[in-house]
PDB file of N, CA and C in Angstrom:
ATOM      1  N   MET A   1      -7.087 -15.811 -22.110  1.00  0.00           N
ATOM      2  CA  MET A   1      -5.916 -15.918 -20.972  1.00  0.00           C
ATOM      3  C   MET A   1      -5.790 -14.141 -20.695  1.00  0.00           C
ATOM      4  N   GLY A   2      -6.094 -13.541 -21.450  1.00  0.00           N
ATOM      5  CA  GLY A   2      -6.117 -12.059 -21.111  1.00  0.00           C
ATOM      6  C   GLY A   2      -6.170 -11.073 -19.825  1.00  0.00           C
ATOM      7  N   ARG A   3      -7.901 -12.079 -19.489  1.00  0.00           N
ATOM      8  CA  ARG A   3      -8.736 -11.808 -18.021  1.00  0.00           C
ATOM      9  C   ARG A   3      -8.096 -12.100 -17.586  1.00  0.00           C
ATOM     10  N   ASN A   4      -8.020 -13.390 -16.818  1.00  0.00           N
ATOM     11  CA  ASN A   4      -7.541 -13.950 -16.175  1.00  0.00           C
ATOM     12  C   ASN A   4      -5.623 -13.380 -15.947  1.00  0.00           C
ATOM     13  N   ILE A   5      -5.254 -12.241 -16.859  1.00  0.00           N
ATOM     14  CA  ILE A   5      -3.816 -11.877 -16.120  1.00  0.00           C
ATOM     15  C   ILE A   5      -4.417 -10.788 -15.700  1.00  0.00           C
ATOM     16  N   PHE A   6      -5.048 -10.042 -16.355  1.00  0.00           N
ATOM     17  CA  PHE A   6      -5.155  -8.559 -15.981  1.00  0.00           C
ATOM     18  C   PHE A   6      -6.430  -8.607 -14.341  1.00  0.00           C
ATOM     19  N   GLN A   7      -7.107 -10.283 -14.365  1.00  0.00           N
ATOM     20  CA  GLN A   7      -8.135 -10.130 -12.717  1.00  0.00           C
ATOM     21  C   GLN A   7      -7.414 -10.626 -12.369  1.00  0.00           C
ATOM     22  N   SER A   8      -5.723 -11.241 -11.693  1.00  0.00           N
ATOM     23  CA  SER A   8      -5.747 -11.716 -11.031  1.00  0.00           C
ATOM     24  C   SER A   8      -5.383 -10.623  -9.831  1.00  0.00           C
ATOM     25  N   GLU A   9      -4.926 -11.378  -9.030  1.00  0.00           N
ATOM     26  CA  GLU A   9      -3.989 -10.340  -7.414  1.00  0.00           C
ATOM     27  C   GLU A   9      -2.827  -9.884  -7.735  1.00  0.00           C
ATOM     28  N   ALA A  10      -2.013 -10.636  -8.644  1.00  0.00           N
ATOM     29  CA  ALA A  10      -0.516 -10.177  -9.103  1.00  0.00           C
ATOM     30  C   ALA A  10      -0.295 -10.733 -10.467  1.00  0.00           C
ATOM     31  N   PRO A  11      -0.779  -8.975 -11.955  1.00  0.00           N
ATOM     32  CA  PRO A  11      -1.935  -9.069 -12.724  1.00  0.00           C
ATOM     33  C   PRO A  11       0.120  -8.997 -13.295  1.00  0.00           C
ATOM     34  N   ILE A  12       1.160  -8.086 -13.313  1.00  0.00           N
ATOM     35  CA  ILE A  12       2.066  -8.538 -13.484  1.00  0.00           C
ATOM     36  C   ILE A  12       3.572  -9.280 -12.911  1.00  0.00           C
ATOM     37  N   ALA A  13       3.208 -10.146 -12.390  1.00  0.00           N
ATOM     38  CA  ALA A  13       3.975 -11.941 -11.346  1.00  0.00           C
ATOM     39  C   ALA A  13       2.525 -12.896 -12.822  1.00  0.00           C
ATOM     40  N   MET A  14       2.297 -12.261 -13.533  1.00  0.00           N
ATOM     41  CA  MET A  14       1.921 -13.253 -13.875  1.00  0.00           C
ATOM     42  C   MET A  14       1.789 -13.520 -15.486  1.00  0.00           C
ATOM     43  N   ILE A  15       2.642 -11.760 -15.431  1.00  0.00           N
ATOM     44  CA  ILE A  15       2.627 -11.717 -16.909  1.00  0.00           C
ATOM     45  C   ILE A  15       4.694 -12.671 -16.821  1.00  0.00           C
ATOM     46  N   LYS A  16       4.927 -11.684 -15.737  1.00  0.00           N
ATOM     47  CA  LYS A  16       5.684 -12.969 -15.817  1.00  0.00           C
ATOM     48  C   LYS A  16       5.945 -14.098 -15.542  1.00  0.00           C
ATOM     49  N   ALA A  17       5.312 -15.340 -15.136  1.00  0.00           N
ATOM     50  CA  ALA A  17       5.190 -16.529 -15.178  1.00  0.00           C
ATOM     51  C   ALA A  17       4.901 -17.152 -16.586  1.00  0.00           C
ATOM     52  N   VAL A  18       3.810 -16.423 -17.246  1.00  0.00           N
ATOM     53  CA  VAL A  18       3.313 -16.540 -18.816  1.00  0.00           C
ATOM     54  C   VAL A  18       4.431 -17.111 -19.639  1.00  0.00           C
ATOM     55  N   ARG A  19       5.436 -14.996 -19.116  1.00  0.00           N
ATOM     56  CA  ARG A  19       6.359 -15.094 -20.245  1.00  0.00           C
ATOM     57  C   ARG A  19       7.667 -15.791 -20.634  1.00  0.00           C
ATOM     58  N   LYS A  20       8.084 -16.821 -19.380  1.00  0.00           N
ATOM     59  CA  LYS A  20       8.691 -17.588 -18.777  1.00  0.00           C
ATOM     60  C   LYS A  20       8.077 -19.290 -19.939  1.00  0.00           C
ATOM     61  N   VAL A  21       6.877 -19.807 -19.219  1.00  0.00           N
ATOM     62  CA  VAL A  21       6.564 -21.257 -20.098  1.00  0.00           C
ATOM     63  C   VAL A  21       6.185 -20.686 -22.288  1.00  0.00           C
ATOM     64  N   VAL A  22       5.909 -19.320 -22.367  1.00  0.00           N
ATOM     65  CA  VAL A  22       5.298 -19.352 -23.250  1.00  0.00           C
ATOM     66  C   VAL A  22       7.524 -19.074 -24.185  1.00  0.00           C
ATOM     67  N   HIS A  23       8.227 -18.134 -23.289  1.00  0.00           N
ATOM     68  CA  HIS A  23       9.352 -17.559 -24.490  1.00  0.00           C
ATOM     69  C   HIS A  23      10.140 -18.145 -23.948  1.00  0.00           C
ATOM     70  N   GLU A  24      10.310 -18.825 -22.805  1.00  0.00           N
ATOM     71  CA  GLU A  24      11.783 -19.905 -22.408  1.00  0.00           C
ATOM     72  C   GLU A  24      12.068 -21.275 -21.542  1.00  0.00           C
ATOM     73  N   ASN A  25      10.462 -22.055 -22.247  1.00  0.00           N
ATOM     74  CA  ASN A  25       9.872 -23.173 -21.522  1.00  0.00           C
ATOM     75  C   ASN A  25      10.203 -23.407 -21.327  1.00  0.00           C
ATOM     76  N   MET A  26       9.860 -23.422 -19.730  1.00  0.00           N
ATOM     77  CA  MET A  26       9.888 -23.435 -18.741  1.00  0.00           C
ATOM     78  C   MET A  26       8.186 -24.750 -18.350  1.00  0.00           C
ATOM     79  N   LYS A  27       8.929 -24.808 -17.342  1.00  0.00           N
ATOM     80  CA  LYS A  27       7.646 -25.777 -16.944  1.00  0.00           C
ATOM     81  C   LYS A  27       6.116 -24.855 -15.968  1.00  0.00           C
ATOM     82  N   PRO A  28       4.916 -25.407 -16.553  1.00  0.00           N
ATOM     83  CA  PRO A  28       4.342 -24.230 -15.402  1.00  0.00           C
ATOM     84  C   PRO A  28       4.490 -25.344 -14.281  1.00  0.00           C
ATOM     85  N   GLU A  29       4.751 -25.870 -13.682  1.00  0.00           N
ATOM     86  CA  GLU A  29       5.076 -25.893 -12.110  1.00  0.00           C
ATOM     87  C   GLU A  29       5.640 -24.960 -11.991  1.00  0.00           C
ATOM     88  N   GLN A  30       6.244 -24.470 -12.837  1.00  0.00           N
ATOM     89  CA  GLN A  30       8.709 -23.990 -12.046  1.00  0.00           C
ATOM     90  C   GLN A  30       7.962 -21.883 -12.803  1.00  0.00           C
ATOM     91  N   ALA A  31       6.711 -21.949 -13.618  1.00  0.00           N
ATOM     92  CA  ALA A  31       6.184 -20.789 -13.572  1.00  0.00           C
ATOM     93  C   ALA A  31       5.066 -20.627 -12.119  1.00  0.00           C
ATOM     94  N   TYR A  32       3.942 -21.336 -12.462  1.00  0.00           N
ATOM     95  CA  TYR A  32       3.883 -21.524 -11.104  1.00  0.00           C
ATOM     96  C   TYR A  32       4.475 -20.734  -9.422  1.00  0.00           C
ATOM     97  N   GLU A  33       5.131 -20.938  -9.297  1.00  0.00           N
ATOM     98  CA  GLU A  33       5.691 -21.487  -8.627  1.00  0.00           C
ATOM     99  C   GLU A  33       6.574 -19.433  -8.447  1.00  0.00           C
ATOM    100  N   LEU A  34       6.544 -19.308  -9.768  1.00  0.00           N
ATOM    101  CA  LEU A  34       7.758 -18.088  -9.677  1.00  0.00           C
ATOM    102  C   LEU A  34       6.176 -17.211  -9.789  1.00  0.00           C
ATOM    103  N   TYR A  35       5.689 -17.178 -10.092  1.00  0.00           N
ATOM    104  CA  TYR A  35       4.804 -16.736  -9.349  1.00  0.00           C
ATOM    105  C   TYR A  35       3.386 -16.623  -8.805  1.00  0.00           C
ATOM    106  N   LEU A  36       3.799 -17.261  -7.362  1.00  0.00           N
ATOM    107  CA  LEU A  36       3.669 -17.505  -6.071  1.00  0.00           C
ATOM    108  C   LEU A  36       4.696 -16.426  -5.645  1.00  0.00           C
ATOM    109  N   ALA A  37       6.181 -16.542  -6.214  1.00  0.00           N
ATOM    110  CA  ALA A  37       6.946 -15.796  -5.123  1.00  0.00           C
ATOM    111  C   ALA A  37       6.991 -13.989  -5.903  1.00  0.00           C
ATOM    112  N   HIS A  38       6.567 -13.231  -6.576  1.00  0.00           N
ATOM    113  CA  HIS A  38       6.466 -12.555  -7.232  1.00  0.00           C
ATOM    114  C   HIS A  38       5.556 -11.897  -5.608  1.00  0.00           C
ATOM    115  N   ALA A  39       4.124 -12.669  -6.682  1.00  0.00           N
ATOM    116  CA  ALA A  39       2.680 -11.872  -6.240  1.00  0.00           C
ATOM    117  C   ALA A  39       2.831 -12.277  -4.441  1.00  0.00           C
ATOM    118  N   ASN A  40       4.147 -13.211  -3.756  1.00  0.00           N
ATOM    119  CA  ASN A  40       3.570 -12.787  -2.223  1.00  0.00           C
ATOM    120  C   ASN A  40       4.655 -11.304  -1.504  1.00  0.00           C
ATOM    121  N   LEU A  41       5.302 -10.840  -2.907  1.00  0.00           N
ATOM    122  CA  LEU A  41       6.291  -9.495  -2.777  1.00  0.00           C
ATOM    123  C   LEU A  41       5.236  -8.981  -2.457  1.00  0.00           C
ATOM    124  N   LYS A  42       4.471  -8.763  -4.189  1.00  0.00           N
ATOM    125  CA  LYS A  42       3.786  -7.409  -4.234  1.00  0.00           C
ATOM    126  C   LYS A  42       2.302  -7.328  -2.700  1.00  0.00           C
ATOM    127  N   LYS A  43       2.272  -8.023  -1.900  1.00  0.00           N
ATOM    128  CA  LYS A  43       1.512  -8.573  -0.791  1.00  0.00           C
ATOM    129  C   LYS A  43       2.402  -8.210   0.435  1.00  0.00           C
ATOM    130  N   GLN A  44       3.944  -8.417   0.555  1.00  0.00           N
ATOM    131  CA  GLN A  44       4.820  -7.564   1.269  1.00  0.00           C
ATOM    132  C   GLN A  44       4.337  -6.005   1.190  1.00  0.00           C
ATOM    133  N   LYS A  45       4.889  -6.042  -0.016  1.00  0.00           N
ATOM    134  CA  LYS A  45       5.214  -4.346  -0.585  1.00  0.00           C
ATOM    135  C   LYS A  45       4.186  -3.078   0.327  1.00  0.00           C
ATOM    136  N   ASP A  46       3.133  -4.115  -0.513  1.00  0.00           N
ATOM    137  CA  ASP A  46       1.759  -3.210   0.350  1.00  0.00           C
ATOM    138  C   ASP A  46       1.359  -3.043   1.708  1.00  0.00           C
ATOM    139  N   LYS A  47       1.231  -4.336   2.133  1.00  0.00           N
ATOM    140  CA  LYS A  47       0.932  -4.467   3.753  1.00  0.00           C
ATOM    141  C   LYS A  47       2.241  -3.089   4.443  1.00  0.00           C
ATOM    142  N   GLN A  48       3.492  -2.606   4.096  1.00  0.00           N
ATOM    143  CA  GLN A  48       4.247  -2.404   4.270  1.00  0.00           C
ATOM    144  C   GLN A  48       3.754  -1.146   4.001  1.00  0.00           C
ATOM    145  N   SER A  49       3.443  -0.926   2.898  1.00  0.00           N
ATOM    146  CA  SER A  49       3.534   0.310   2.497  1.00  0.00           C
ATOM    147  C   SER A  49       1.850   0.952   3.183  1.00  0.00           C
ATOM    148  N   LYS A  50       0.006   0.135   3.449  1.00  0.00           N
ATOM    149  CA  LYS A  50      -0.138  -0.064   4.410  1.00  0.00           C
ATOM    150  C   LYS A  50       0.323   1.301   5.675  1.00  0.00           C
ATOM    151  N   LEU A  51       1.011  -0.235   6.534  1.00  0.00           N
ATOM    152  CA  LEU A  51       1.356   0.235   7.829  1.00  0.00           C
ATOM    153  C   LEU A  51       2.308   2.014   7.960  1.00  0.00           C
ATOM    154  N   ILE A  52       2.879   1.737   6.984  1.00  0.00           N
ATOM    155  CA  ILE A  52       3.523   3.291   6.913  1.00  0.00           C
ATOM    156  C   ILE A  52       2.821   4.660   5.832  1.00  0.00           C
ATOM    157  N   GLN A  53       1.789   4.168   5.405  1.00  0.00           N
ATOM    158  CA  GLN A  53       0.832   5.246   5.608  1.00  0.00           C
ATOM    159  C   GLN A  53      -0.469   5.047   6.377  1.00  0.00           C
ATOM    160  N   ASN A  54      -0.412   4.660   7.454  1.00  0.00           N
ATOM    161  CA  ASN A  54      -1.129   4.554   8.726  1.00  0.00           C
ATOM    162  C   ASN A  54      -0.366   5.136   9.775  1.00  0.00           C
ATOM    163  N   LYS A  55       1.175   4.904   9.952  1.00  0.00           N
ATOM    164  CA  LYS A  55       2.109   5.622  10.714  1.00  0.00           C
ATOM    165  C   LYS A  55       1.805   6.778  10.586  1.00  0.00           C
ATOM    166  N   ILE A  56       2.035   7.682   9.296  1.00  0.00           N
ATOM    167  CA  ILE A  56       2.240   8.965   8.875  1.00  0.00           C
ATOM    168  C   ILE A  56       0.410   9.358   8.843  1.00  0.00           C
ATOM    169  N   THR A  57      -0.405   8.857   8.944  1.00  0.00           N
ATOM    170  CA  THR A  57      -2.283  10.003   8.866  1.00  0.00           C
ATOM    171  C   THR A  57      -1.789   9.857  11.000  1.00  0.00           C
ATOM    172  N   THR A  58      -1.874   8.593  11.538  1.00  0.00           N
ATOM    173  CA  THR A  58      -1.369   9.229  13.194  1.00  0.00           C
ATOM    174  C   THR A  58      -0.804   9.964  12.930  1.00  0.00           C
ATOM    175  N   GLU A  59       0.602  10.604  12.689  1.00  0.00           N
ATOM    176  CA  GLU A  59       1.182  11.497  13.036  1.00  0.00           C
ATOM    177  C   GLU A  59       1.501  12.337  12.652  1.00  0.00           C
ATOM    178  N   THR A  60      -0.060  13.121  11.338  1.00  0.00           N
ATOM    179  CA  THR A  60      -0.347  13.788  11.060  1.00  0.00           C
ATOM    180  C   THR A  60      -1.194  14.328  12.291  1.00  0.00           C
ATOM    181  N   GLN A  61      -2.291  13.313  11.903  1.00  0.00           N
ATOM    182  CA  GLN A  61      -3.488  13.643  13.297  1.00  0.00           C
ATOM    183  C   GLN A  61      -3.599  13.952  15.137  1.00  0.00           C
ATOM    184  N   ARG A  62      -1.748  13.251  15.567  1.00  0.00           N
ATOM    185  CA  ARG A  62      -1.359  14.187  17.307  1.00  0.00           C
ATOM    186  C   ARG A  62      -0.630  15.375  16.760  1.00  0.00           C
ATOM    187  N   SER A  63      -0.325  15.887  14.853  1.00  0.00           N
ATOM    188  CA  SER A  63       1.028  17.202  15.715  1.00  0.00           C
ATOM    189  C   SER A  63      -0.705  18.638  14.853  1.00  0.00           C
ATOM    190  N   GLN A  64      -1.563  17.263  14.197  1.00  0.00           N
ATOM    191  CA  GLN A  64      -2.652  18.530  14.336  1.00  0.00           C
ATOM    192  C   GLN A  64      -3.781  19.013  15.959  1.00  0.00           C
ATOM    193  N   ARG A  65      -3.250  18.003  16.261  1.00  0.00           N
ATOM    194  CA  ARG A  65      -4.268  18.408  17.912  1.00  0.00           C
ATOM    195  C   ARG A  65      -2.551  18.955  18.820  1.00  0.00           C
ATOM    196  N   ARG A  66      -1.539  18.953  17.484  1.00  0.00           N
ATOM    197  CA  ARG A  66      -0.850  19.896  19.153  1.00  0.00           C
ATOM    198  C   ARG A  66      -0.609  21.699  18.810  1.00  0.00           C
ATOM    199  N   VAL A  67      -0.775  21.460  17.427  1.00  0.00           N
ATOM    200  CA  VAL A  67      -1.374  22.905  17.156  1.00  0.00           C
ATOM    201  C   VAL A  67      -3.268  23.671  17.014  1.00  0.00           C
ATOM    202  N   TYR A  68      -3.539  23.129  16.731  1.00  0.00           N
ATOM    203  CA  TYR A  68      -5.783  22.992  17.467  1.00  0.00           C
ATOM    204  C   TYR A  68      -6.103  23.325  18.774  1.00  0.00           C
ATOM    205  N   GLY A  69      -4.914  21.990  19.904  1.00  0.00           N
ATOM    206  CA  GLY A  69      -6.186  22.456  20.682  1.00  0.00           C
ATOM    207  C   GLY A  69      -6.115  21.034  21.009  1.00  0.00           C
ATOM    208  N   LYS A  70      -7.324  20.297  21.736  1.00  0.00           N
ATOM    209  CA  LYS A  70      -8.096  18.650  21.903  1.00  0.00           C
ATOM    210  C   LYS A  70      -8.348  18.254  19.986  1.00  0.00           C
ATOM    211  N   LYS A  71      -8.267  16.891  20.924  1.00  0.00           N
ATOM    212  CA  LYS A  71      -8.875  16.140  20.208  1.00  0.00           C
ATOM    213  C   LYS A  71      -9.860  16.985  18.500  1.00  0.00           C
ATOM    214  N   ASN A  72     -11.318  17.380  18.789  1.00  0.00           N
ATOM    215  CA  ASN A  72     -11.762  18.079  18.070  1.00  0.00           C
ATOM    216  C   ASN A  72     -12.207  19.046  18.483  1.00  0.00           C
ATOM    217  N   SER A  73     -12.354  20.018  18.566  1.00  0.00           N
ATOM    218  CA  SER A  73     -11.784  21.036  18.828  1.00  0.00           C
ATOM    219  C   SER A  73     -11.974  21.723  17.678  1.00  0.00           C
ATOM    220  N   GLY A  74     -11.668  21.405  17.679  1.00  0.00           N
ATOM    221  CA  GLY A  74     -10.824  22.989  15.654  1.00  0.00           C
ATOM    222  C   GLY A  74      -9.917  23.750  15.798  1.00  0.00           C
ATOM    223  N   PHE A  75      -9.906  24.678  16.823  1.00  0.00           N
ATOM    224  CA  PHE A  75      -9.681  25.826  16.707  1.00  0.00           C
ATOM    225  C   PHE A  75      -9.356  25.831  18.329  1.00  0.00           C
ATOM    226  N   VAL A  76      -8.604  27.034  18.675  1.00  0.00           N
ATOM    227  CA  VAL A  76      -7.635  27.293  20.135  1.00  0.00           C
ATOM    228  C   VAL A  76      -8.361  28.514  20.057  1.00  0.00           C
ATOM    229  N   SER A  77      -9.105  28.740  21.663  1.00  0.00           N
ATOM    230  CA  SER A  77      -9.456  29.406  21.844  1.00  0.00           C
ATOM    231  C   SER A  77      -9.194  30.940  21.732  1.00  0.00           C
ATOM    232  N   VAL A  78      -9.150  32.043  21.310  1.00  0.00           N
ATOM    233  CA  VAL A  78      -8.198  33.157  21.084  1.00  0.00           C
ATOM    234  C   VAL A  78      -8.623  34.301  22.328  1.00  0.00           C
ATOM    235  N   SER A  79     -10.263  34.065  22.703  1.00  0.00           N
ATOM    236  CA  SER A  79     -10.959  35.633  23.204  1.00  0.00           C
ATOM    237  C   SER A  79     -10.156  35.892  25.018  1.00  0.00           C
ATOM    238  N   SER A  80      -9.130  34.692  25.696  1.00  0.00           N
ATOM    239  CA  SER A  80      -9.186  35.605  26.771  1.00  0.00           C
ATOM    240  C   SER A  80      -7.510  36.107  25.717  1.00  0.00           C
ATOM    241  N   VAL A  81      -6.947  36.391  24.790  1.00  0.00           N
ATOM    242  CA  VAL A  81      -6.108  36.634  23.677  1.00  0.00           C
ATOM    243  C   VAL A  81      -6.409  38.679  23.815  1.00  0.00           C
ATOM    244  N   SER A  82      -5.066  39.109  24.867  1.00  0.00           N
ATOM    245  CA  SER A  82      -4.957  40.002  24.632  1.00  0.00           C
ATOM    246  C   SER A  82      -3.978  41.018  23.082  1.00  0.00           C
ATOM    247  N   LEU A  83      -4.954  41.477  22.141  1.00  0.00           N
ATOM    248  CA  LEU A  83      -4.192  42.145  21.356  1.00  0.00           C
ATOM    249  C   LEU A  83      -4.369  43.606  21.202  1.00  0.00           C
ATOM    250  N   TRP A  84      -4.021  44.574  22.810  1.00  0.00           N
ATOM    251  CA  TRP A  84      -3.825  45.459  21.970  1.00  0.00           C
ATOM    252  C   TRP A  84      -2.690  45.569  23.672  1.00  0.00           C
TER     253      TRP A  84
END
């Protein structure tokens, strides 16, 4: 049973479901529904987290382009700037 729990997509949800069956005499069908509900919440949170991370990465890249110039140029040329 241990490997099946820790290799599942949502091990915490699986542990909660098994606990309900063992300690609270919940029917396995109900525990499975509980597992699915918790697993789906985890998937939704992971999806939101990835979307937020992608948005942050995109915004960072845009701000770097504004600071450093064109997309792939690296740094803005300073040869035309007079220091004296």
